[in-house]
Amino acid sequence: MKIIMVAAGNADKNIINEYYTPEKTYLVGIDGGTRFILDAGLVPDLFVGDMDSLIISDEERIRLSEAECVKLVPEKDDTDTEHAVRLILERLKSGWVPAPGRLDDPAGISVPDEPNDLYDQDNDGAMQIIILGATGTRLDHTFANINLLKLFEENGINAFIRDEHNRIRVAGKNICLKKAESFGKYFSLLPFTDEVKGLSIKGAKYELDDYILTRGTARCVSNEYTEGDVFISFESGSLIVIESVD
């Protein structure tokens, strides 16, 4: 099962269609990002936003889509994207499974009779949260959206931000970057926490052993794959992992 969340930054309908699988993808339009879903010829299951980045025709298209609508006020203490992320996270933690498409349930979700492992609930693998439109010209929103990935990581949910040139995730434990599934030639590691202790990188062009990565350094930027997978281990802290193409 996939949940694709589309914010109002730089998004592309082709990227939406790249990840979209009929009947296995729950679509969340975040304010102006809903336009990208509609332009891709798809229908959102959920709309979240204050409608400050929409025009009248967009609002009419959303109304006609019959999406569940969570309308926010413009003056608030969070962004539309944060509100949507926390709403989805709260629902996932409550034990329901997103059900794409129009349902009698107004929330567009189905609640199983017995608890499910939401992160490995079908034969296609783990639950994925894909956030599009989360990067762009507003660097304040870009940094804030990267911070939001930590909320999913803390709850064991596989989530990443994707744009035309980058795939971004937060890692709180050892990870393996599989070359066959890599996004681009380069990968970079940035400390999400003040420091990441015992950091080791094996199988990459630039290896590292038992290093303390701290904020204020670019030591682990622009590494590269070599012949195989890359193994990243650390003792404490959290990493921002960015895979990039030029």
Protein backbone atom coordinates (compact mmCIF):
# COMPACT_ATOMS: atom_id res chain seq x y z
CA MET A 1 0.00 0.00 0.00
CA LYS A 2 1.21 3.50 -0.84
CA ILE A 3 0.13 6.88 0.41
CA ILE A 4 1.16 9.66 -1.95
CA MET A 5 1.00 13.11 -0.40
CA VAL A 6 1.34 16.01 -2.83
CA ALA A 7 2.19 19.47 -1.50
CA ALA A 8 2.25 22.74 -3.42
CA GLY A 9 5.99 22.97 -4.14
CA ASN A 10 7.73 21.60 -7.22
CA ALA A 11 5.78 18.52 -8.29
CA ASP A 12 5.35 16.73 -11.58
CA LYS A 13 2.38 14.67 -12.70
CA ASN A 14 4.80 12.19 -14.27
CA ILE A 15 6.35 11.47 -10.87
CA ILE A 16 2.86 10.97 -9.41
CA ASN A 17 2.06 8.45 -12.14
CA GLU A 18 5.43 6.76 -11.60
CA TYR A 19 4.40 5.76 -8.08
CA TYR A 20 0.66 5.46 -8.55
CA THR A 21 -0.79 1.93 -8.61
CA PRO A 22 -4.58 1.64 -9.06
CA GLU A 23 -6.41 0.32 -5.99
CA LYS A 24 -3.17 0.34 -3.96
CA THR A 25 -2.50 4.06 -3.71
CA TYR A 26 -4.20 6.53 -1.37
CA LEU A 27 -3.85 10.08 -2.70
CA VAL A 28 -3.62 13.09 -0.40
CA GLY A 29 -3.76 16.55 -1.94
CA ILE A 30 -2.24 19.23 0.26
CA ASP A 31 -3.74 22.57 -0.70
CA GLY A 32 -2.34 23.69 -4.09
CA GLY A 33 -0.63 20.31 -4.51
CA THR A 34 -4.04 18.84 -5.25
CA ARG A 35 -3.84 20.49 -8.65
CA PHE A 36 -0.97 18.17 -9.62
CA ILE A 37 -3.09 15.11 -8.76
CA LEU A 38 -6.00 16.36 -10.85
CA ASP A 39 -3.72 17.33 -13.74
CA ALA A 40 -2.35 13.78 -13.70
CA GLY A 41 -5.88 12.55 -14.43
CA LEU A 42 -6.30 11.12 -10.92
CA VAL A 43 -8.76 11.78 -8.11
CA PRO A 44 -7.61 12.63 -4.57
CA ASP A 45 -8.94 10.57 -1.69
CA LEU A 46 -8.25 13.31 0.84
CA PHE A 47 -7.80 17.08 0.61
CA VAL A 48 -6.08 19.00 3.42
CA GLY A 49 -5.46 22.74 3.26
CA ASP A 50 -6.54 26.30 3.83
CA MET A 51 -7.12 26.88 0.10
CA ASP A 52 -4.86 29.94 0.03
CA SER A 53 -2.92 28.61 -2.97
CA LEU A 54 -5.98 27.58 -5.00
CA ILE A 55 -8.03 29.42 -7.57
CA ILE A 56 -11.81 29.10 -7.92
CA SER A 57 -11.57 26.50 -10.68
CA ASP A 58 -9.30 24.35 -8.48
CA GLU A 59 -11.83 24.49 -5.63
CA GLU A 60 -14.58 23.39 -8.00
CA ARG A 61 -12.49 20.47 -9.27
CA ILE A 62 -11.86 19.35 -5.71
CA ARG A 63 -15.57 19.59 -4.90
CA LEU A 64 -16.46 17.53 -7.95
CA SER A 65 -13.85 14.90 -7.05
CA GLU A 66 -15.84 14.09 -3.87
CA ALA A 67 -12.62 13.83 -1.90
CA GLU A 68 -12.79 13.91 1.87
CA CYS A 69 -12.08 17.55 2.67
CA VAL A 70 -10.26 18.80 5.77
CA LYS A 71 -10.37 22.58 5.42
CA LEU A 72 -7.96 24.57 7.57
CA VAL A 73 -7.83 28.23 8.52
CA PRO A 74 -4.96 30.27 7.03
CA GLU A 75 -3.83 31.61 10.43
CA LYS A 76 -2.51 28.60 12.35
CA ASP A 77 0.56 27.28 14.14
CA ASP A 78 1.47 24.64 11.56
CA THR A 79 1.76 24.41 7.79
CA ASP A 80 -0.77 22.60 5.64
CA THR A 81 1.82 19.89 5.03
CA GLU A 82 2.53 19.36 8.72
CA HIS A 83 -1.20 19.16 9.45
CA ALA A 84 -1.63 16.55 6.71
CA VAL A 85 1.37 14.53 7.90
CA ARG A 86 0.17 14.48 11.50
CA LEU A 87 -3.37 13.59 10.40
CA ILE A 88 -2.17 10.63 8.34
CA LEU A 89 0.18 9.52 11.12
CA GLU A 90 -2.60 9.73 13.72
CA ARG A 91 -4.88 7.64 11.52
CA LEU A 92 -2.20 5.02 10.86
CA LYS A 93 -1.43 4.72 14.56
CA SER A 94 -5.13 4.22 15.29
CA GLY A 95 -5.06 0.96 13.35
CA TRP A 96 -6.88 1.69 10.11
CA VAL A 97 -5.80 0.87 6.60
CA PRO A 98 -6.11 3.50 3.85
CA ALA A 99 -8.60 2.36 1.24
CA PRO A 100 -8.32 4.21 -2.07
CA GLY A 101 -11.48 5.27 -3.84
CA ARG A 102 -14.88 6.50 -2.82
CA LEU A 103 -16.32 4.54 0.11
CA ASP A 104 -19.37 4.81 2.33
CA ASP A 105 -16.94 5.62 5.14
CA PRO A 106 -16.56 9.43 4.90
CA ALA A 107 -12.91 9.22 5.83
CA GLY A 108 -12.21 7.00 2.84
CA ILE A 109 -10.64 4.31 5.03
CA SER A 110 -11.43 0.78 6.09
CA VAL A 111 -10.95 -0.47 9.61
CA PRO A 112 -9.91 -4.13 9.91
CA ASP A 113 -11.69 -6.42 12.36
CA GLU A 114 -8.31 -7.53 13.69
CA PRO A 115 -5.18 -5.39 14.12
CA ASN A 116 -2.88 -5.42 11.10
CA ASP A 117 0.80 -4.77 10.74
CA LEU A 118 0.39 -1.58 8.75
CA TYR A 119 3.97 -1.62 7.63
CA ASP A 120 3.84 -5.03 5.94
CA GLN A 121 0.21 -5.45 5.07
CA ASP A 122 0.23 -6.82 1.54
CA ASN A 123 2.28 -9.01 -0.74
CA ASP A 124 3.91 -6.02 -2.35
CA GLY A 125 5.84 -5.12 0.79
CA ALA A 126 5.77 -2.43 3.41
CA MET A 127 3.61 0.64 3.65
CA GLN A 128 5.20 3.56 1.82
CA ILE A 129 4.61 7.26 2.33
CA ILE A 130 5.76 9.26 -0.70
CA ILE A 131 5.75 13.04 -0.32
CA LEU A 132 5.86 15.04 -3.53
CA GLY A 133 5.84 18.81 -3.98
CA ALA A 134 7.74 19.16 -0.69
CA THR A 135 10.74 20.96 -2.20
CA GLY A 136 10.95 24.11 -4.27
CA THR A 137 11.84 27.78 -4.19
CA ARG A 138 10.67 28.25 -0.58
CA LEU A 139 13.66 26.87 1.34
CA ASP A 140 11.84 27.42 4.65
CA HIS A 141 9.14 24.99 3.55
CA THR A 142 11.72 22.58 2.12
CA PHE A 143 13.66 22.39 5.41
CA ALA A 144 10.43 22.13 7.41
CA ASN A 145 9.19 19.27 5.24
CA ILE A 146 12.46 17.36 5.63
CA ASN A 147 12.03 17.76 9.39
CA LEU A 148 8.57 16.18 9.12
CA LEU A 149 10.13 12.94 7.86
CA LYS A 150 11.37 12.37 11.41
CA LEU A 151 7.78 11.89 12.59
CA PHE A 152 7.36 8.90 10.30
CA GLU A 153 10.81 7.50 11.11
CA GLU A 154 10.05 7.59 14.85
CA ASN A 155 6.97 5.45 14.20
CA GLY A 156 8.69 2.90 11.97
CA ILE A 157 6.99 4.06 8.77
CA ASN A 158 8.88 4.11 5.49
CA ALA A 159 8.58 7.67 4.18
CA PHE A 160 10.57 9.77 1.75
CA ILE A 161 10.44 13.03 -0.15
CA ARG A 162 10.93 12.83 -3.89
CA ASP A 163 11.44 15.44 -6.57
CA GLU A 164 12.97 15.40 -10.03
CA HIS A 165 16.54 15.33 -8.72
CA ASN A 166 16.43 13.96 -5.17
CA ARG A 167 15.05 11.27 -2.90
CA ILE A 168 15.26 12.20 0.78
CA ARG A 169 14.63 10.17 3.91
CA VAL A 170 15.52 10.20 7.61
CA ALA A 171 17.25 7.15 9.09
CA GLY A 172 17.34 6.39 12.80
CA LYS A 173 19.01 3.01 12.43
CA ASN A 174 21.47 1.17 10.18
CA ILE A 175 20.53 1.11 6.53
CA CYS A 176 21.60 -0.55 3.30
CA LEU A 177 21.48 1.48 0.10
CA LYS A 178 20.88 -1.07 -2.64
CA LYS A 179 22.61 -0.13 -5.84
CA ALA A 180 19.91 -1.82 -7.94
CA GLU A 181 17.31 0.45 -6.32
CA SER A 182 19.44 3.58 -6.12
CA PHE A 183 18.18 6.98 -7.15
CA GLY A 184 21.03 8.62 -8.99
CA LYS A 185 24.77 8.31 -8.79
CA TYR A 186 25.32 10.27 -5.58
CA PHE A 187 24.26 10.01 -1.97
CA SER A 188 24.90 12.33 0.97
CA LEU A 189 24.52 11.97 4.72
CA LEU A 190 23.69 14.92 6.94
CA PRO A 191 23.26 14.78 10.70
CA PHE A 192 19.64 15.25 11.75
CA THR A 193 20.69 15.25 15.40
CA ASP A 194 23.55 17.28 16.89
CA GLU A 195 25.86 14.35 16.31
CA VAL A 196 25.80 10.86 14.87
CA LYS A 197 28.23 8.61 16.71
CA GLY A 198 30.06 5.55 15.41
CA LEU A 199 29.22 6.25 11.78
CA SER A 200 30.64 3.75 9.30
CA ILE A 201 30.16 3.62 5.54
CA LYS A 202 31.12 0.46 3.68
CA GLY A 203 30.97 -0.32 -0.04
CA ALA A 204 31.02 3.31 -1.20
CA LYS A 205 33.68 5.27 -3.07
CA TYR A 206 34.51 7.11 0.13
CA GLU A 207 34.37 4.80 3.12
CA LEU A 208 34.29 5.80 6.77
CA ASP A 209 34.88 3.97 10.02
CA ASP A 210 33.61 4.83 13.50
CA TYR A 211 33.31 8.54 12.80
CA ILE A 212 31.42 11.18 14.79
CA LEU A 213 29.44 13.27 12.30
CA THR A 214 28.40 16.65 13.70
CA ARG A 215 26.47 19.61 12.43
CA GLY A 216 28.59 22.26 10.75
CA THR A 217 30.52 19.90 8.49
CA ALA A 218 30.11 18.65 4.91
CA ARG A 219 32.21 15.53 5.46
CA CYS A 220 29.61 13.06 4.12
CA VAL A 221 28.31 15.02 1.13
CA SER A 222 28.46 13.69 -2.46
CA ASN A 223 29.55 10.10 -1.93
CA GLU A 224 29.13 7.54 -4.71
CA TYR A 225 28.25 3.92 -5.28
CA THR A 226 30.92 1.56 -6.58
CA GLU A 227 30.29 -2.07 -7.53
CA GLY A 228 27.55 -3.02 -5.10
CA ASP A 229 25.37 -2.05 -2.16
CA VAL A 230 26.38 0.53 0.43
CA PHE A 231 26.11 -0.28 4.12
CA ILE A 232 25.68 2.56 6.61
CA SER A 233 25.82 1.87 10.35
CA PHE A 234 25.92 4.12 13.40
CA GLU A 235 25.57 3.81 17.16
CA SER A 236 23.37 6.80 17.96
CA GLY A 237 21.66 9.76 16.38
CA SER A 238 19.71 10.18 13.15
CA LEU A 239 20.74 10.87 9.56
CA ILE A 240 19.21 12.70 6.64
CA VAL A 241 19.93 10.53 3.60
CA ILE A 242 19.79 12.27 0.22
CA GLU A 243 20.18 10.39 -3.07
CA SER A 244 20.70 12.70 -6.03
CA VAL A 245 21.02 12.96 -9.78
CA ASP A 246 22.49 15.98 -11.59
